[in-house]
């Protein structure tokens, strides 16, 4: 059985906090690192949304063509 997404998210959050805390770096150094990671994740998020939108639009167009035939 796969772990529920809510627990996966909680695990990830806890792991990230542990890693950041164990680094013992000051917040002024952690912030730009976290921002860089966020920026990279945001790019991937936008790409995923665009891909999902295209896939969904293609599926709708295909269904509409089948109905029209």
PDB file of N, CA and C in Angstrom:
ATOM      1  N   UNK A   1       0.841  -1.185   0.000  1.00  0.00           N
ATOM      2  CA  UNK A   1       0.000   0.000   0.000  1.00  0.00           C
ATOM      3  C   UNK A   1       0.883   1.243   0.000  1.00  0.00           C
ATOM      4  N   UNK A   2       0.535   2.169  -0.873  1.00  0.00           N
ATOM      5  CA  UNK A   2       1.311   3.406  -0.959  1.00  0.00           C
ATOM      6  C   UNK A   2       0.901   4.367   0.162  1.00  0.00           C
ATOM      7  N   UNK A   3       1.886   5.071   0.670  1.00  0.00           N
ATOM      8  CA  UNK A   3       1.641   6.031   1.748  1.00  0.00           C
ATOM      9  C   UNK A   3       0.774   7.180   1.217  1.00  0.00           C
ATOM     10  N   UNK A   4      -0.234   7.601   1.982  1.00  0.00           N
ATOM     11  CA  UNK A   4      -1.088   8.714   1.530  1.00  0.00           C
ATOM     12  C   UNK A   4      -0.269   9.979   1.278  1.00  0.00           C
ATOM     13  N   UNK A   5      -0.729  10.760   0.314  1.00  0.00           N
ATOM     14  CA  UNK A   5      -0.001  11.971  -0.072  1.00  0.00           C
ATOM     15  C   UNK A   5       0.160  12.929   1.103  1.00  0.00           C
ATOM     16  N   UNK A   6      -0.828  13.003   1.965  1.00  0.00           N
ATOM     17  CA  UNK A   6      -0.724  13.904   3.122  1.00  0.00           C
ATOM     18  C   UNK A   6       0.448  13.512   4.018  1.00  0.00           C
ATOM     19  N   UNK A   7       0.660  12.214   4.185  1.00  0.00           N
ATOM     20  CA  UNK A   7       1.792  11.755   4.999  1.00  0.00           C
ATOM     21  C   UNK A   7       3.112  11.938   4.271  1.00  0.00           C
ATOM     22  N   UNK A   8       3.101  11.767   2.955  1.00  0.00           N
ATOM     23  CA  UNK A   8       4.312  12.015   2.168  1.00  0.00           C
ATOM     24  C   UNK A   8       4.721  13.481   2.274  1.00  0.00           C
ATOM     25  N   UNK A   9       3.736  14.364   2.191  1.00  0.00           N
ATOM     26  CA  UNK A   9       4.022  15.797   2.316  1.00  0.00           C
ATOM     27  C   UNK A   9       4.569  16.136   3.695  1.00  0.00           C
ATOM     28  N   UNK A  10       3.969  15.554   4.713  1.00  0.00           N
ATOM     29  CA  UNK A  10       4.436  15.799   6.075  1.00  0.00           C
ATOM     30  C   UNK A  10       5.865  15.284   6.257  1.00  0.00           C
ATOM     31  N   UNK A  11       6.149  14.115   5.718  1.00  0.00           N
ATOM     32  CA  UNK A  11       7.510  13.561   5.789  1.00  0.00           C
ATOM     33  C   UNK A  11       8.514  14.474   5.092  1.00  0.00           C
ATOM     34  N   UNK A  12       8.149  14.943   3.916  1.00  0.00           N
ATOM     35  CA  UNK A  12       9.040  15.831   3.170  1.00  0.00           C
ATOM     36  C   UNK A  12       9.302  17.113   3.958  1.00  0.00           C
ATOM     37  N   UNK A  13       8.238  17.705   4.468  1.00  0.00           N
ATOM     38  CA  UNK A  13       8.372  18.940   5.250  1.00  0.00           C
ATOM     39  C   UNK A  13       9.301  18.722   6.439  1.00  0.00           C
ATOM     40  N   UNK A  14       9.079  17.645   7.176  1.00  0.00           N
ATOM     41  CA  UNK A  14       9.906  17.353   8.347  1.00  0.00           C
ATOM     42  C   UNK A  14      11.363  17.109   7.972  1.00  0.00           C
ATOM     43  N   UNK A  15      11.573  16.395   6.878  1.00  0.00           N
ATOM     44  CA  UNK A  15      12.935  16.118   6.423  1.00  0.00           C
ATOM     45  C   UNK A  15      13.655  17.407   6.033  1.00  0.00           C
ATOM     46  N   UNK A  16      12.964  18.270   5.312  1.00  0.00           N
ATOM     47  CA  UNK A  16      13.575  19.540   4.917  1.00  0.00           C
ATOM     48  C   UNK A  16      13.937  20.381   6.135  1.00  0.00           C
ATOM     49  N   UNK A  17      13.039  20.444   7.097  1.00  0.00           N
ATOM     50  CA  UNK A  17      13.311  21.217   8.313  1.00  0.00           C
ATOM     51  C   UNK A  17      14.509  20.624   9.054  1.00  0.00           C
ATOM     52  N   UNK A  18      14.574  19.308   9.148  1.00  0.00           N
ATOM     53  CA  UNK A  18      15.714  18.659   9.819  1.00  0.00           C
ATOM     54  C   UNK A  18      17.023  18.985   9.114  1.00  0.00           C
ATOM     55  N   UNK A  19      17.013  18.910   7.799  1.00  0.00           N
ATOM     56  CA  UNK A  19      18.230  19.195   7.031  1.00  0.00           C
ATOM     57  C   UNK A  19      18.661  20.643   7.222  1.00  0.00           C
ATOM     58  N   UNK A  20      17.700  21.553   7.138  1.00  0.00           N
ATOM     59  CA  UNK A  20      18.023  22.971   7.311  1.00  0.00           C
ATOM     60  C   UNK A  20      18.554  23.230   8.713  1.00  0.00           C
ATOM     61  N   UNK A  21      17.887  22.674   9.711  1.00  0.00           N
ATOM     62  CA  UNK A  21      18.333  22.890  11.089  1.00  0.00           C
ATOM     63  C   UNK A  21      19.710  22.276  11.343  1.00  0.00           C
ATOM     64  N   UNK A  22      19.949  21.115  10.786  1.00  0.00           N
ATOM     65  CA  UNK A  22      21.236  20.454  11.014  1.00  0.00           C
ATOM     66  C   UNK A  22      22.381  21.138  10.278  1.00  0.00           C
ATOM     67  N   UNK A  23      22.059  21.954   9.276  1.00  0.00           N
ATOM     68  CA  UNK A  23      23.119  22.663   8.545  1.00  0.00           C
ATOM     69  C   UNK A  23      23.799  23.708   9.424  1.00  0.00           C
ATOM     70  N   UNK A  24      23.064  24.198  10.405  1.00  0.00           N
ATOM     71  CA  UNK A  24      23.574  25.219  11.318  1.00  0.00           C
ATOM     72  C   UNK A  24      23.996  26.504  10.595  1.00  0.00           C
ATOM     73  N   UNK A  25      23.470  26.691   9.396  1.00  0.00           N
ATOM     74  CA  UNK A  25      23.737  27.923   8.661  1.00  0.00           C
ATOM     75  C   UNK A  25      22.771  29.004   9.133  1.00  0.00           C
ATOM     76  N   UNK A  26      23.202  30.246   9.080  1.00  0.00           N
ATOM     77  CA  UNK A  26      22.304  31.324   9.475  1.00  0.00           C
ATOM     78  C   UNK A  26      21.203  31.524   8.420  1.00  0.00           C
ATOM     79  N   UNK A  27      20.064  32.037   8.855  1.00  0.00           N
ATOM     80  CA  UNK A  27      18.951  32.254   7.928  1.00  0.00           C
ATOM     81  C   UNK A  27      19.314  33.105   6.711  1.00  0.00           C
ATOM     82  N   UNK A  28      20.230  34.037   6.881  1.00  0.00           N
ATOM     83  CA  UNK A  28      20.612  34.889   5.749  1.00  0.00           C
ATOM     84  C   UNK A  28      21.276  34.089   4.623  1.00  0.00           C
ATOM     85  N   UNK A  29      21.815  32.920   4.939  1.00  0.00           N
ATOM     86  CA  UNK A  29      22.402  32.051   3.906  1.00  0.00           C
ATOM     87  C   UNK A  29      21.411  30.999   3.434  1.00  0.00           C
ATOM     88  N   UNK A  30      20.522  30.602   4.300  1.00  0.00           N
ATOM     89  CA  UNK A  30      19.527  29.580   3.943  1.00  0.00           C
ATOM     90  C   UNK A  30      18.482  30.161   2.991  1.00  0.00           C
ATOM     91  N   UNK A  31      18.079  31.391   3.250  1.00  0.00           N
ATOM     92  CA  UNK A  31      17.014  32.003   2.454  1.00  0.00           C
ATOM     93  C   UNK A  31      17.290  31.977   0.950  1.00  0.00           C
ATOM     94  N   UNK A  32      18.471  32.414   0.473  1.00  0.00           N
ATOM     95  CA  UNK A  32      18.688  32.385  -0.981  1.00  0.00           C
ATOM     96  C   UNK A  32      18.713  30.957  -1.550  1.00  0.00           C
ATOM     97  N   UNK A  33      19.157  30.009  -0.760  1.00  0.00           N
ATOM     98  CA  UNK A  33      19.160  28.623  -1.217  1.00  0.00           C
ATOM     99  C   UNK A  33      17.729  28.126  -1.381  1.00  0.00           C
ATOM    100  N   UNK A  34      16.909  28.391  -0.380  1.00  0.00           N
ATOM    101  CA  UNK A  34      15.510  27.958  -0.437  1.00  0.00           C
ATOM    102  C   UNK A  34      14.788  28.674  -1.577  1.00  0.00           C
ATOM    103  N   UNK A  35      15.099  29.944  -1.778  1.00  0.00           N
ATOM    104  CA  UNK A  35      14.472  30.687  -2.878  1.00  0.00           C
ATOM    105  C   UNK A  35      14.863  30.087  -4.224  1.00  0.00           C
ATOM    106  N   UNK A  36      16.112  29.727  -4.383  1.00  0.00           N
ATOM    107  CA  UNK A  36      16.560  29.116  -5.635  1.00  0.00           C
ATOM    108  C   UNK A  36      15.832  27.794  -5.880  1.00  0.00           C
ATOM    109  N   UNK A  37      15.707  27.001  -4.848  1.00  0.00           N
ATOM    110  CA  UNK A  37      14.985  25.729  -4.968  1.00  0.00           C
ATOM    111  C   UNK A  37      13.521  25.994  -5.318  1.00  0.00           C
ATOM    112  N   UNK A  38      12.921  26.966  -4.637  1.00  0.00           N
ATOM    113  CA  UNK A  38      11.527  27.326  -4.926  1.00  0.00           C
ATOM    114  C   UNK A  38      11.370  27.744  -6.385  1.00  0.00           C
ATOM    115  N   UNK A  39      12.268  28.587  -6.868  1.00  0.00           N
ATOM    116  CA  UNK A  39      12.194  29.066  -8.253  1.00  0.00           C
ATOM    117  C   UNK A  39      12.265  27.900  -9.236  1.00  0.00           C
ATOM    118  N   UNK A  40      13.128  26.938  -8.968  1.00  0.00           N
ATOM    119  CA  UNK A  40      13.250  25.766  -9.839  1.00  0.00           C
ATOM    120  C   UNK A  40      11.977  24.919  -9.793  1.00  0.00           C
ATOM    121  N   UNK A  41      11.436  24.741  -8.611  1.00  0.00           N
ATOM    122  CA  UNK A  41      10.193  23.971  -8.459  1.00  0.00           C
ATOM    123  C   UNK A  41       9.051  24.693  -9.161  1.00  0.00           C
ATOM    124  N   UNK A  42       9.009  25.996  -9.064  1.00  0.00           N
ATOM    125  CA  UNK A  42       7.947  26.761  -9.711  1.00  0.00           C
ATOM    126  C   UNK A  42       8.001  26.609 -11.228  1.00  0.00           C
ATOM    127  N   UNK A  43       9.187  26.602 -11.790  1.00  0.00           N
ATOM    128  CA  UNK A  43       9.337  26.382 -13.235  1.00  0.00           C
ATOM    129  C   UNK A  43       8.776  25.016 -13.608  1.00  0.00           C
ATOM    130  N   UNK A  44       9.116  23.999 -12.835  1.00  0.00           N
ATOM    131  CA  UNK A  44       8.597  22.655 -13.106  1.00  0.00           C
ATOM    132  C   UNK A  44       7.082  22.602 -12.956  1.00  0.00           C
ATOM    133  N   UNK A  45       6.568  23.314 -11.965  1.00  0.00           N
ATOM    134  CA  UNK A  45       5.124  23.371 -11.748  1.00  0.00           C
ATOM    135  C   UNK A  45       4.411  23.981 -12.963  1.00  0.00           C
ATOM    136  N   UNK A  46       4.926  25.093 -13.448  1.00  0.00           N
ATOM    137  CA  UNK A  46       4.319  25.753 -14.604  1.00  0.00           C
ATOM    138  C   UNK A  46       4.384  24.840 -15.824  1.00  0.00           C
ATOM    139  N   UNK A  47       5.498  24.165 -16.022  1.00  0.00           N
ATOM    140  CA  UNK A  47       5.633  23.232 -17.140  1.00  0.00           C
ATOM    141  C   UNK A  47       4.617  22.089 -17.021  1.00  0.00           C
ATOM    142  N   UNK A  48       4.424  21.594 -15.815  1.00  0.00           N
ATOM    143  CA  UNK A  48       3.479  20.502 -15.605  1.00  0.00           C
ATOM    144  C   UNK A  48       2.050  20.956 -15.898  1.00  0.00           C
ATOM    145  N   UNK A  49       1.691  22.144 -15.446  1.00  0.00           N
ATOM    146  CA  UNK A  49       0.354  22.685 -15.712  1.00  0.00           C
ATOM    147  C   UNK A  49       0.132  22.843 -17.214  1.00  0.00           C
ATOM    148  N   UNK A  50       1.123  23.376 -17.906  1.00  0.00           N
ATOM    149  CA  UNK A  50       1.007  23.556 -19.357  1.00  0.00           C
ATOM    150  C   UNK A  50       0.854  22.209 -20.066  1.00  0.00           C
ATOM    151  N   UNK A  51       1.625  21.229 -19.642  1.00  0.00           N
ATOM    152  CA  UNK A  51       1.533  19.886 -20.234  1.00  0.00           C
ATOM    153  C   UNK A  51       0.161  19.277 -19.964  1.00  0.00           C
ATOM    154  N   UNK A  52      -0.308  19.384 -18.723  1.00  0.00           N
ATOM    155  CA  UNK A  52      -1.620  18.833 -18.372  1.00  0.00           C
ATOM    156  C   UNK A  52      -2.736  19.526 -19.148  1.00  0.00           C
ATOM    157  N   UNK A  53      -2.613  20.857 -19.322  1.00  0.00           N
ATOM    158  CA  UNK A  53      -3.629  21.597 -20.072  1.00  0.00           C
ATOM    159  C   UNK A  53      -3.658  21.144 -21.528  1.00  0.00           C
ATOM    160  N   UNK A  54      -2.484  20.961 -22.121  1.00  0.00           N
ATOM    161  CA  UNK A  54      -2.422  20.508 -23.505  1.00  0.00           C
ATOM    162  C   UNK A  54      -2.998  19.102 -23.641  1.00  0.00           C
ATOM    163  N   UNK A  55      -2.629  18.214 -22.723  1.00  0.00           N
ATOM    164  CA  UNK A  55      -3.152  16.846 -22.759  1.00  0.00           C
ATOM    165  C   UNK A  55      -4.672  16.851 -22.638  1.00  0.00           C
ATOM    166  N   UNK A  56      -5.187  17.654 -21.721  1.00  0.00           N
ATOM    167  CA  UNK A  56      -6.630  17.734 -21.511  1.00  0.00           C
ATOM    168  C   UNK A  56      -7.330  18.322 -22.740  1.00  0.00           C
ATOM    169  N   UNK A  57      -6.781  19.399 -23.299  1.00  0.00           N
ATOM    170  CA  UNK A  57      -7.364  20.009 -24.499  1.00  0.00           C
ATOM    171  C   UNK A  57      -7.356  19.039 -25.671  1.00  0.00           C
ATOM    172  N   UNK A  58      -6.256  18.301 -25.828  1.00  0.00           N
ATOM    173  CA  UNK A  58      -6.175  17.306 -26.902  1.00  0.00           C
ATOM    174  C   UNK A  58      -7.239  16.231 -26.718  1.00  0.00           C
ATOM    175  N   UNK A  59      -7.441  15.780 -25.490  1.00  0.00           N
ATOM    176  CA  UNK A  59      -8.454  14.766 -25.199  1.00  0.00           C
ATOM    177  C   UNK A  59      -9.856  15.301 -25.513  1.00  0.00           C
ATOM    178  N   UNK A  60     -10.135  16.540 -25.103  1.00  0.00           N
ATOM    179  CA  UNK A  60     -11.444  17.132 -25.403  1.00  0.00           C
ATOM    180  C   UNK A  60     -11.661  17.259 -26.905  1.00  0.00           C
ATOM    181  N   UNK A  61     -10.634  17.699 -27.619  1.00  0.00           N
ATOM    182  CA  UNK A  61     -10.744  17.822 -29.077  1.00  0.00           C
ATOM    183  C   UNK A  61     -10.999  16.467 -29.719  1.00  0.00           C
ATOM    184  N   UNK A  62     -10.322  15.450 -29.251  1.00  0.00           N
ATOM    185  CA  UNK A  62     -10.515  14.099 -29.787  1.00  0.00           C
ATOM    186  C   UNK A  62     -11.939  13.627 -29.528  1.00  0.00           C
ATOM    187  N   UNK A  63     -12.439  13.861 -28.310  1.00  0.00           N
ATOM    188  CA  UNK A  63     -13.821  13.449 -27.996  1.00  0.00           C
ATOM    189  C   UNK A  63     -14.820  14.215 -28.843  1.00  0.00           C
ATOM    190  N   UNK A  64     -14.593  15.496 -29.043  1.00  0.00           N
ATOM    191  CA  UNK A  64     -15.490  16.296 -29.864  1.00  0.00           C
ATOM    192  C   UNK A  64     -15.480  15.832 -31.312  1.00  0.00           C
ATOM    193  N   UNK A  65     -14.324  15.434 -31.815  1.00  0.00           N
ATOM    194  CA  UNK A  65     -14.226  14.926 -33.180  1.00  0.00           C
ATOM    195  C   UNK A  65     -14.965  13.600 -33.298  1.00  0.00           C
ATOM    196  N   UNK A  66     -14.867  12.742 -32.281  1.00  0.00           N
ATOM    197  CA  UNK A  66     -15.560  11.459 -32.305  1.00  0.00           C
ATOM    198  C   UNK A  66     -17.082  11.660 -32.281  1.00  0.00           C
ATOM    199  N   UNK A  67     -17.527  12.647 -31.514  1.00  0.00           N
ATOM    200  CA  UNK A  67     -18.960  12.934 -31.421  1.00  0.00           C
ATOM    201  C   UNK A  67     -19.455  13.486 -32.762  1.00  0.00           C
ATOM    202  N   UNK A  68     -18.642  14.325 -33.393  1.00  0.00           N
ATOM    203  CA  UNK A  68     -19.034  14.939 -34.671  1.00  0.00           C
ATOM    204  C   UNK A  68     -19.026  13.929 -35.817  1.00  0.00           C
ATOM    205  N   UNK A  69     -18.308  12.856 -35.664  1.00  0.00           N
ATOM    206  CA  UNK A  69     -18.192  11.873 -36.764  1.00  0.00           C
ATOM    207  C   UNK A  69     -19.407  11.010 -36.914  1.00  0.00           C
TER     208      UNK A  69
END
